[in-house]
Each structure stands twice: as C-alpha cells, then as structure tokens.
Amino acid sequence: MSDFNEQDKKLLAMFGMSEDQVRDDVTRMESEEADHGITGPVHYGLHMLPENSEEMVSMTIKLPKSQLEAVTAAAKRYHISRSEYVRRQLAGAI
C-alpha cells in the first residue's frame, strides 16, 4: 500500500520524483547523525547533561550589532536561544 494519495502522486510526477526517492530523502533528513548539508548532527543539552550539575551564571559581553544579528539569526535556524547557541559555539558543537 502506498503512503501517497493521488494528489501526492501528481505532484511527484510534476517534479520527476518517485515515492522511493521521497522516502529516502525523508529518512536522510530526519537522521540526527547524518550531515546532509541542511543541518548537522543534533547535540542535545550540552550544559544540561545530568552529570553536569554545575551552577549556571550570567556573563555580559558587547558585540557589534551586526554580529548580534548574525547570532540571533543562527540561533533561530537551530530553534534554540542565543545563549544556547553561544554555549554550543564555545563548546565547538556547532
């Protein structure tokens, strides 16, 4: 049985794609370990790992406005906070 309805099949035909190709693409894109050029490996928690019960503290830094905008945009792409993005950058995870 096909996962695709008739409308899906028409759209696939319009773009010259097969059902198998779509399934393969979905598997590749949903992998949290594959580096497929859209996102990299997913790193969960980092500073929030259970074995790390170290107290979190705040740190204030000054950045040029353009750099802050770039950090904000990158964090939005990863769907994480700016703080989490900067922590991951410092940890070398992104």
PDB file of N, CA and C in Angstrom:
ATOM      1  N   MET A   1       0.838  -1.187   0.000  1.00  0.00           N
ATOM      2  CA  MET A   1       0.000   0.000   0.000  1.00  0.00           C
ATOM      3  C   MET A   1       0.881   1.248   0.000  1.00  0.00           C
ATOM      4  N   SER A   2       0.490   2.220  -0.758  1.00  0.00           N
ATOM      5  CA  SER A   2       1.245   3.463  -0.900  1.00  0.00           C
ATOM      6  C   SER A   2       0.887   4.466   0.195  1.00  0.00           C
ATOM      7  N   ASP A   3       1.895   5.200   0.672  1.00  0.00           N
ATOM      8  CA  ASP A   3       1.676   6.279   1.642  1.00  0.00           C
ATOM      9  C   ASP A   3       1.208   7.550   0.941  1.00  0.00           C
ATOM     10  N   PHE A   4       1.180   7.532  -0.372  1.00  0.00           N
ATOM     11  CA  PHE A   4       0.913   8.735  -1.150  1.00  0.00           C
ATOM     12  C   PHE A   4      -0.478   8.667  -1.775  1.00  0.00           C
ATOM     13  N   ASN A   5      -1.238   9.763  -1.671  1.00  0.00           N
ATOM     14  CA  ASN A   5      -2.551   9.803  -2.313  1.00  0.00           C
ATOM     15  C   ASN A   5      -2.378  10.254  -3.767  1.00  0.00           C
ATOM     16  N   GLU A   6      -3.459  10.347  -4.481  1.00  0.00           N
ATOM     17  CA  GLU A   6      -3.387  10.692  -5.903  1.00  0.00           C
ATOM     18  C   GLU A   6      -2.807  12.087  -6.130  1.00  0.00           C
ATOM     19  N   GLN A   7      -3.176  13.033  -5.273  1.00  0.00           N
ATOM     20  CA  GLN A   7      -2.617  14.385  -5.411  1.00  0.00           C
ATOM     21  C   GLN A   7      -1.099  14.363  -5.200  1.00  0.00           C
ATOM     22  N   ASP A   8      -0.634  13.596  -4.187  1.00  0.00           N
ATOM     23  CA  ASP A   8       0.804  13.461  -3.950  1.00  0.00           C
ATOM     24  C   ASP A   8       1.491  12.896  -5.190  1.00  0.00           C
ATOM     25  N   LYS A   9       0.898  11.873  -5.765  1.00  0.00           N
ATOM     26  CA  LYS A   9       1.495  11.223  -6.933  1.00  0.00           C
ATOM     27  C   LYS A   9       1.573  12.181  -8.119  1.00  0.00           C
ATOM     28  N   LYS A  10       0.556  13.027  -8.292  1.00  0.00           N
ATOM     29  CA  LYS A  10       0.587  14.020  -9.376  1.00  0.00           C
ATOM     30  C   LYS A  10       1.713  15.022  -9.152  1.00  0.00           C
ATOM     31  N   LEU A  11       1.861  15.470  -7.910  1.00  0.00           N
ATOM     32  CA  LEU A  11       2.949  16.414  -7.605  1.00  0.00           C
ATOM     33  C   LEU A  11       4.310  15.776  -7.829  1.00  0.00           C
ATOM     34  N   LEU A  12       4.470  14.529  -7.396  1.00  0.00           N
ATOM     35  CA  LEU A  12       5.732  13.825  -7.624  1.00  0.00           C
ATOM     36  C   LEU A  12       6.033  13.735  -9.115  1.00  0.00           C
ATOM     37  N   ALA A  13       5.022  13.415  -9.908  1.00  0.00           N
ATOM     38  CA  ALA A  13       5.211  13.311 -11.361  1.00  0.00           C
ATOM     39  C   ALA A  13       5.609  14.658 -11.954  1.00  0.00           C
ATOM     40  N   MET A  14       5.006  15.744 -11.450  1.00  0.00           N
ATOM     41  CA  MET A  14       5.334  17.086 -11.955  1.00  0.00           C
ATOM     42  C   MET A  14       6.815  17.415 -11.742  1.00  0.00           C
ATOM     43  N   PHE A  15       7.376  16.906 -10.645  1.00  0.00           N
ATOM     44  CA  PHE A  15       8.771  17.209 -10.318  1.00  0.00           C
ATOM     45  C   PHE A  15       9.718  16.066 -10.656  1.00  0.00           C
ATOM     46  N   GLY A  16       9.188  15.038 -11.307  1.00  0.00           N
ATOM     47  CA  GLY A  16      10.034  13.927 -11.739  1.00  0.00           C
ATOM     48  C   GLY A  16      10.616  13.130 -10.586  1.00  0.00           C
ATOM     49  N   MET A  17       9.844  12.986  -9.524  1.00  0.00           N
ATOM     50  CA  MET A  17      10.323  12.259  -8.348  1.00  0.00           C
ATOM     51  C   MET A  17       9.518  10.984  -8.155  1.00  0.00           C
ATOM     52  N   SER A  18      10.166   9.992  -7.526  1.00  0.00           N
ATOM     53  CA  SER A  18       9.465   8.750  -7.213  1.00  0.00           C
ATOM     54  C   SER A  18       9.127   8.705  -5.723  1.00  0.00           C
ATOM     55  N   GLU A  19       8.209   7.830  -5.373  1.00  0.00           N
ATOM     56  CA  GLU A  19       7.856   7.650  -3.969  1.00  0.00           C
ATOM     57  C   GLU A  19       9.068   7.176  -3.166  1.00  0.00           C
ATOM     58  N   ASP A  20       9.847   6.264  -3.749  1.00  0.00           N
ATOM     59  CA  ASP A  20      11.041   5.761  -3.060  1.00  0.00           C
ATOM     60  C   ASP A  20      12.053   6.880  -2.806  1.00  0.00           C
ATOM     61  N   GLN A  21      12.195   7.762  -3.779  1.00  0.00           N
ATOM     62  CA  GLN A  21      13.123   8.882  -3.614  1.00  0.00           C
ATOM     63  C   GLN A  21      12.685   9.769  -2.443  1.00  0.00           C
ATOM     64  N   VAL A  22      11.400  10.027  -2.331  1.00  0.00           N
ATOM     65  CA  VAL A  22      10.887  10.841  -1.237  1.00  0.00           C
ATOM     66  C   VAL A  22      11.121  10.139   0.098  1.00  0.00           C
ATOM     67  N   ARG A  23      10.843   8.851   0.156  1.00  0.00           N
ATOM     68  CA  ARG A  23      11.072   8.101   1.395  1.00  0.00           C
ATOM     69  C   ARG A  23      12.546   8.143   1.797  1.00  0.00           C
ATOM     70  N   ASP A  24      13.438   7.968   0.820  1.00  0.00           N
ATOM     71  CA  ASP A  24      14.878   8.033   1.107  1.00  0.00           C
ATOM     72  C   ASP A  24      15.276   9.421   1.603  1.00  0.00           C
ATOM     73  N   ASP A  25      14.744  10.464   0.965  1.00  0.00           N
ATOM     74  CA  ASP A  25      15.039  11.838   1.386  1.00  0.00           C
ATOM     75  C   ASP A  25      14.543  12.101   2.802  1.00  0.00           C
ATOM     76  N   VAL A  26      13.358  11.605   3.114  1.00  0.00           N
ATOM     77  CA  VAL A  26      12.805  11.791   4.464  1.00  0.00           C
ATOM     78  C   VAL A  26      13.696  11.108   5.491  1.00  0.00           C
ATOM     79  N   THR A  27      14.104   9.887   5.212  1.00  0.00           N
ATOM     80  CA  THR A  27      14.973   9.153   6.135  1.00  0.00           C
ATOM     81  C   THR A  27      16.279   9.906   6.360  1.00  0.00           C
ATOM     82  N   ARG A  28      16.862  10.395   5.277  1.00  0.00           N
ATOM     83  CA  ARG A  28      18.130  11.128   5.367  1.00  0.00           C
ATOM     84  C   ARG A  28      17.959  12.427   6.138  1.00  0.00           C
ATOM     85  N   MET A  29      16.893  13.173   5.870  1.00  0.00           N
ATOM     86  CA  MET A  29      16.687  14.465   6.523  1.00  0.00           C
ATOM     87  C   MET A  29      16.323  14.315   7.993  1.00  0.00           C
ATOM     88  N   GLU A  30      15.638  13.234   8.350  1.00  0.00           N
ATOM     89  CA  GLU A  30      15.242  13.050   9.740  1.00  0.00           C
ATOM     90  C   GLU A  30      16.339  12.440  10.590  1.00  0.00           C
ATOM     91  N   SER A  31      17.414  11.989   9.956  1.00  0.00           N
ATOM     92  CA  SER A  31      18.533  11.435  10.709  1.00  0.00           C
ATOM     93  C   SER A  31      19.205  12.552  11.499  1.00  0.00           C
ATOM     94  N   GLU A  32      19.450  12.298  12.765  1.00  0.00           N
ATOM     95  CA  GLU A  32      20.111  13.291  13.602  1.00  0.00           C
ATOM     96  C   GLU A  32      21.622  13.113  13.584  1.00  0.00           C
ATOM     97  N   GLU A  33      22.115  12.140  12.835  1.00  0.00           N
ATOM     98  CA  GLU A  33      23.540  11.878  12.784  1.00  0.00           C
ATOM     99  C   GLU A  33      24.145  12.183  11.424  1.00  0.00           C
ATOM    100  N   ALA A  34      23.330  12.174  10.387  1.00  0.00           N
ATOM    101  CA  ALA A  34      23.840  12.395   9.038  1.00  0.00           C
ATOM    102  C   ALA A  34      24.094  13.874   8.795  1.00  0.00           C
ATOM    103  N   ASP A  35      25.206  14.170   8.147  1.00  0.00           N
ATOM    104  CA  ASP A  35      25.495  15.539   7.733  1.00  0.00           C
ATOM    105  C   ASP A  35      25.050  15.650   6.286  1.00  0.00           C
ATOM    106  N   HIS A  36      23.814  16.136   6.094  1.00  0.00           N
ATOM    107  CA  HIS A  36      23.219  16.152   4.768  1.00  0.00           C
ATOM    108  C   HIS A  36      23.207  17.539   4.152  1.00  0.00           C
ATOM    109  N   GLY A  37      23.933  18.477   4.733  1.00  0.00           N
ATOM    110  CA  GLY A  37      24.049  19.805   4.157  1.00  0.00           C
ATOM    111  C   GLY A  37      22.952  20.770   4.558  1.00  0.00           C
ATOM    112  N   ILE A  38      21.908  20.301   5.189  1.00  0.00           N
ATOM    113  CA  ILE A  38      20.835  21.180   5.640  1.00  0.00           C
ATOM    114  C   ILE A  38      21.052  21.501   7.115  1.00  0.00           C
ATOM    115  N   THR A  39      21.199  20.471   7.915  1.00  0.00           N
ATOM    116  CA  THR A  39      21.568  20.638   9.318  1.00  0.00           C
ATOM    117  C   THR A  39      22.658  19.640   9.612  1.00  0.00           C
ATOM    118  N   GLY A  40      23.385  19.858  10.664  1.00  0.00           N
ATOM    119  CA  GLY A  40      24.417  18.918  11.066  1.00  0.00           C
ATOM    120  C   GLY A  40      23.878  17.991  12.132  1.00  0.00           C
ATOM    121  N   PRO A  41      24.766  17.224  12.733  1.00  0.00           N
ATOM    122  CA  PRO A  41      24.334  16.354  13.825  1.00  0.00           C
ATOM    123  C   PRO A  41      23.673  17.164  14.933  1.00  0.00           C
ATOM    124  N   VAL A  42      22.686  16.586  15.571  1.00  0.00           N
ATOM    125  CA  VAL A  42      21.972  17.261  16.657  1.00  0.00           C
ATOM    126  C   VAL A  42      22.676  16.958  17.966  1.00  0.00           C
ATOM    127  N   HIS A  43      22.926  17.981  18.742  1.00  0.00           N
ATOM    128  CA  HIS A  43      23.571  17.833  20.048  1.00  0.00           C
ATOM    129  C   HIS A  43      22.576  18.288  21.101  1.00  0.00           C
ATOM    130  N   TYR A  44      22.129  17.388  21.933  1.00  0.00           N
ATOM    131  CA  TYR A  44      21.139  17.726  22.939  1.00  0.00           C
ATOM    132  C   TYR A  44      21.805  18.161  24.235  1.00  0.00           C
ATOM    133  N   GLY A  45      21.250  19.201  24.838  1.00  0.00           N
ATOM    134  CA  GLY A  45      21.592  19.571  26.206  1.00  0.00           C
ATOM    135  C   GLY A  45      22.923  20.236  26.401  1.00  0.00           C
ATOM    136  N   LEU A  46      23.988  19.575  26.112  1.00  0.00           N
ATOM    137  CA  LEU A  46      25.348  20.005  26.395  1.00  0.00           C
ATOM    138  C   LEU A  46      25.489  20.417  27.856  1.00  0.00           C
ATOM    139  N   HIS A  47      25.238  21.656  28.166  1.00  0.00           N
ATOM    140  CA  HIS A  47      25.420  22.127  29.541  1.00  0.00           C
ATOM    141  C   HIS A  47      24.382  21.545  30.490  1.00  0.00           C
ATOM    142  N   MET A  48      23.322  20.964  29.961  1.00  0.00           N
ATOM    143  CA  MET A  48      22.243  20.475  30.811  1.00  0.00           C
ATOM    144  C   MET A  48      22.297  18.961  31.017  1.00  0.00           C
ATOM    145  N   LEU A  49      23.409  18.346  30.682  1.00  0.00           N
ATOM    146  CA  LEU A  49      23.515  16.911  30.891  1.00  0.00           C
ATOM    147  C   LEU A  49      23.401  16.601  32.383  1.00  0.00           C
ATOM    148  N   PRO A  50      22.762  15.486  32.747  1.00  0.00           N
ATOM    149  CA  PRO A  50      22.533  15.177  34.165  1.00  0.00           C
ATOM    150  C   PRO A  50      23.798  15.176  35.003  1.00  0.00           C
ATOM    151  N   GLU A  51      24.910  14.698  34.453  1.00  0.00           N
ATOM    152  CA  GLU A  51      26.131  14.627  35.254  1.00  0.00           C
ATOM    153  C   GLU A  51      26.766  16.003  35.478  1.00  0.00           C
ATOM    154  N   ASN A  52      26.257  17.015  34.773  1.00  0.00           N
ATOM    155  CA  ASN A  52      26.794  18.359  34.941  1.00  0.00           C
ATOM    156  C   ASN A  52      25.806  19.185  35.768  1.00  0.00           C
ATOM    157  N   SER A  53      25.996  19.178  37.072  1.00  0.00           N
ATOM    158  CA  SER A  53      25.073  19.913  37.941  1.00  0.00           C
ATOM    159  C   SER A  53      25.662  21.271  38.325  1.00  0.00           C
ATOM    160  N   GLU A  54      26.643  21.711  37.546  1.00  0.00           N
ATOM    161  CA  GLU A  54      27.293  22.982  37.839  1.00  0.00           C
ATOM    162  C   GLU A  54      26.306  24.141  37.699  1.00  0.00           C
ATOM    163  N   GLU A  55      26.400  25.072  38.600  1.00  0.00           N
ATOM    164  CA  GLU A  55      25.525  26.246  38.588  1.00  0.00           C
ATOM    165  C   GLU A  55      25.763  27.084  37.336  1.00  0.00           C
ATOM    166  N   MET A  56      24.684  27.544  36.733  1.00  0.00           N
ATOM    167  CA  MET A  56      24.776  28.419  35.578  1.00  0.00           C
ATOM    168  C   MET A  56      24.880  29.861  36.076  1.00  0.00           C
ATOM    169  N   VAL A  57      25.768  30.637  35.465  1.00  0.00           N
ATOM    170  CA  VAL A  57      25.930  32.048  35.819  1.00  0.00           C
ATOM    171  C   VAL A  57      25.827  32.884  34.549  1.00  0.00           C
ATOM    172  N   SER A  58      25.501  34.148  34.714  1.00  0.00           N
ATOM    173  CA  SER A  58      25.371  35.052  33.570  1.00  0.00           C
ATOM    174  C   SER A  58      26.700  35.724  33.277  1.00  0.00           C
ATOM    175  N   MET A  59      26.887  36.063  32.004  1.00  0.00           N
ATOM    176  CA  MET A  59      28.063  36.793  31.569  1.00  0.00           C
ATOM    177  C   MET A  59      27.589  37.803  30.526  1.00  0.00           C
ATOM    178  N   THR A  60      27.995  39.030  30.663  1.00  0.00           N
ATOM    179  CA  THR A  60      27.607  40.068  29.714  1.00  0.00           C
ATOM    180  C   THR A  60      28.786  40.345  28.790  1.00  0.00           C
ATOM    181  N   ILE A  61      28.507  40.410  27.488  1.00  0.00           N
ATOM    182  CA  ILE A  61      29.550  40.767  26.520  1.00  0.00           C
ATOM    183  C   ILE A  61      28.997  41.838  25.586  1.00  0.00           C
ATOM    184  N   LYS A  62      29.874  42.573  24.977  1.00  0.00           N
ATOM    185  CA  LYS A  62      29.479  43.559  23.981  1.00  0.00           C
ATOM    186  C   LYS A  62      29.865  43.027  22.613  1.00  0.00           C
ATOM    187  N   LEU A  63      28.921  43.153  21.676  1.00  0.00           N
ATOM    188  CA  LEU A  63      29.131  42.719  20.297  1.00  0.00           C
ATOM    189  C   LEU A  63      28.714  43.829  19.358  1.00  0.00           C
ATOM    190  N   PRO A  64      29.329  43.892  18.193  1.00  0.00           N
ATOM    191  CA  PRO A  64      28.794  44.799  17.180  1.00  0.00           C
ATOM    192  C   PRO A  64      27.368  44.343  16.839  1.00  0.00           C
ATOM    193  N   LYS A  65      26.508  45.290  16.533  1.00  0.00           N
ATOM    194  CA  LYS A  65      25.108  44.982  16.241  1.00  0.00           C
ATOM    195  C   LYS A  65      24.978  43.927  15.149  1.00  0.00           C
ATOM    196  N   SER A  66      25.794  44.019  14.121  1.00  0.00           N
ATOM    197  CA  SER A  66      25.717  43.052  13.021  1.00  0.00           C
ATOM    198  C   SER A  66      26.055  41.638  13.495  1.00  0.00           C
ATOM    199  N   GLN A  67      26.982  41.514  14.423  1.00  0.00           N
ATOM    200  CA  GLN A  67      27.342  40.196  14.936  1.00  0.00           C
ATOM    201  C   GLN A  67      26.214  39.623  15.803  1.00  0.00           C
ATOM    202  N   LEU A  68      25.586  40.472  16.617  1.00  0.00           N
ATOM    203  CA  LEU A  68      24.444  40.026  17.415  1.00  0.00           C
ATOM    204  C   LEU A  68      23.306  39.567  16.498  1.00  0.00           C
ATOM    205  N   GLU A  69      23.074  40.304  15.423  1.00  0.00           N
ATOM    206  CA  GLU A  69      22.034  39.910  14.474  1.00  0.00           C
ATOM    207  C   GLU A  69      22.360  38.563  13.840  1.00  0.00           C
ATOM    208  N   ALA A  70      23.633  38.325  13.550  1.00  0.00           N
ATOM    209  CA  ALA A  70      24.038  37.042  12.966  1.00  0.00           C
ATOM    210  C   ALA A  70      23.842  35.907  13.971  1.00  0.00           C
ATOM    211  N   VAL A  71      24.175  36.144  15.235  1.00  0.00           N
ATOM    212  CA  VAL A  71      23.965  35.132  16.283  1.00  0.00           C
ATOM    213  C   VAL A  71      22.477  34.846  16.436  1.00  0.00           C
ATOM    214  N   THR A  72      21.668  35.892  16.458  1.00  0.00           N
ATOM    215  CA  THR A  72      20.221  35.734  16.591  1.00  0.00           C
ATOM    216  C   THR A  72      19.659  34.916  15.430  1.00  0.00           C
ATOM    217  N   ALA A  73      20.071  35.233  14.221  1.00  0.00           N
ATOM    218  CA  ALA A  73      19.582  34.507  13.038  1.00  0.00           C
ATOM    219  C   ALA A  73      20.007  33.045  13.078  1.00  0.00           C
ATOM    220  N   ALA A  74      21.243  32.792  13.462  1.00  0.00           N
ATOM    221  CA  ALA A  74      21.721  31.407  13.534  1.00  0.00           C
ATOM    222  C   ALA A  74      20.964  30.625  14.600  1.00  0.00           C
ATOM    223  N   ALA A  75      20.745  31.229  15.747  1.00  0.00           N
ATOM    224  CA  ALA A  75      20.009  30.561  16.831  1.00  0.00           C
ATOM    225  C   ALA A  75      18.590  30.226  16.377  1.00  0.00           C
ATOM    226  N   LYS A  76      17.964  31.142  15.654  1.00  0.00           N
ATOM    227  CA  LYS A  76      16.615  30.886  15.148  1.00  0.00           C
ATOM    228  C   LYS A  76      16.610  29.708  14.189  1.00  0.00           C
ATOM    229  N   ARG A  77      17.644  29.591  13.346  1.00  0.00           N
ATOM    230  CA  ARG A  77      17.721  28.470  12.403  1.00  0.00           C
ATOM    231  C   ARG A  77      17.786  27.136  13.136  1.00  0.00           C
ATOM    232  N   TYR A  78      18.472  27.117  14.285  1.00  0.00           N
ATOM    233  CA  TYR A  78      18.589  25.896  15.080  1.00  0.00           C
ATOM    234  C   TYR A  78      17.438  25.740  16.072  1.00  0.00           C
ATOM    235  N   HIS A  79      16.573  26.742  16.161  1.00  0.00           N
ATOM    236  CA  HIS A  79      15.438  26.731  17.097  1.00  0.00           C
ATOM    237  C   HIS A  79      15.919  26.621  18.542  1.00  0.00           C
ATOM    238  N   ILE A  80      16.956  27.386  18.845  1.00  0.00           N
ATOM    239  CA  ILE A  80      17.486  27.433  20.208  1.00  0.00           C
ATOM    240  C   ILE A  80      17.675  28.893  20.602  1.00  0.00           C
ATOM    241  N   SER A  81      17.907  29.140  21.877  1.00  0.00           N
ATOM    242  CA  SER A  81      18.125  30.503  22.340  1.00  0.00           C
ATOM    243  C   SER A  81      19.504  30.994  21.904  1.00  0.00           C
ATOM    244  N   ARG A  82      19.677  32.310  21.936  1.00  0.00           N
ATOM    245  CA  ARG A  82      21.003  32.858  21.631  1.00  0.00           C
ATOM    246  C   ARG A  82      22.030  32.338  22.622  1.00  0.00           C
ATOM    247  N   SER A  83      21.644  32.274  23.907  1.00  0.00           N
ATOM    248  CA  SER A  83      22.581  31.780  24.926  1.00  0.00           C
ATOM    249  C   SER A  83      23.025  30.358  24.619  1.00  0.00           C
ATOM    250  N   GLU A  84      22.052  29.507  24.263  1.00  0.00           N
ATOM    251  CA  GLU A  84      22.395  28.116  23.946  1.00  0.00           C
ATOM    252  C   GLU A  84      23.277  28.055  22.702  1.00  0.00           C
ATOM    253  N   TYR A  85      22.995  28.888  21.722  1.00  0.00           N
ATOM    254  CA  TYR A  85      23.819  28.918  20.510  1.00  0.00           C
ATOM    255  C   TYR A  85      25.257  29.296  20.855  1.00  0.00           C
ATOM    256  N   VAL A  86      25.428  30.344  21.666  1.00  0.00           N
ATOM    257  CA  VAL A  86      26.777  30.776  22.042  1.00  0.00           C
ATOM    258  C   VAL A  86      27.476  29.698  22.852  1.00  0.00           C
ATOM    259  N   ARG A  87      26.754  29.048  23.796  1.00  0.00           N
ATOM    260  CA  ARG A  87      27.363  27.956  24.576  1.00  0.00           C
ATOM    261  C   ARG A  87      27.857  26.850  23.644  1.00  0.00           C
ATOM    262  N   ARG A  88      27.033  26.500  22.651  1.00  0.00           N
ATOM    263  CA  ARG A  88      27.438  25.436  21.722  1.00  0.00           C
ATOM    264  C   ARG A  88      28.619  25.871  20.877  1.00  0.00           C
ATOM    265  N   GLN A  89      28.642  27.121  20.480  1.00  0.00           N
ATOM    266  CA  GLN A  89      29.790  27.633  19.726  1.00  0.00           C
ATOM    267  C   GLN A  89      31.053  27.522  20.562  1.00  0.00           C
ATOM    268  N   LEU A  90      30.969  27.924  21.818  1.00  0.00           N
ATOM    269  CA  LEU A  90      32.129  27.855  22.703  1.00  0.00           C
ATOM    270  C   LEU A  90      32.575  26.414  22.950  1.00  0.00           C
ATOM    271  N   ALA A  91      31.617  25.499  22.965  1.00  0.00           N
ATOM    272  CA  ALA A  91      31.934  24.090  23.178  1.00  0.00           C
ATOM    273  C   ALA A  91      32.405  23.413  21.886  1.00  0.00           C
ATOM    274  N   GLY A  92      32.322  24.138  20.763  1.00  0.00           N
ATOM    275  CA  GLY A  92      32.752  23.573  19.485  1.00  0.00           C
ATOM    276  C   GLY A  92      31.765  22.586  18.901  1.00  0.00           C
ATOM    277  N   ALA A  93      30.487  22.657  19.343  1.00  0.00           N
ATOM    278  CA  ALA A  93      29.488  21.694  18.882  1.00  0.00           C
ATOM    279  C   ALA A  93      28.757  22.151  17.630  1.00  0.00           C
ATOM    280  N   ILE A  94      28.869  23.398  17.250  1.00  0.00           N
ATOM    281  CA  ILE A  94      28.192  23.908  16.048  1.00  0.00           C
ATOM    282  C   ILE A  94      29.255  24.421  15.100  1.00  0.00           C
TER     283      ILE A  94
END
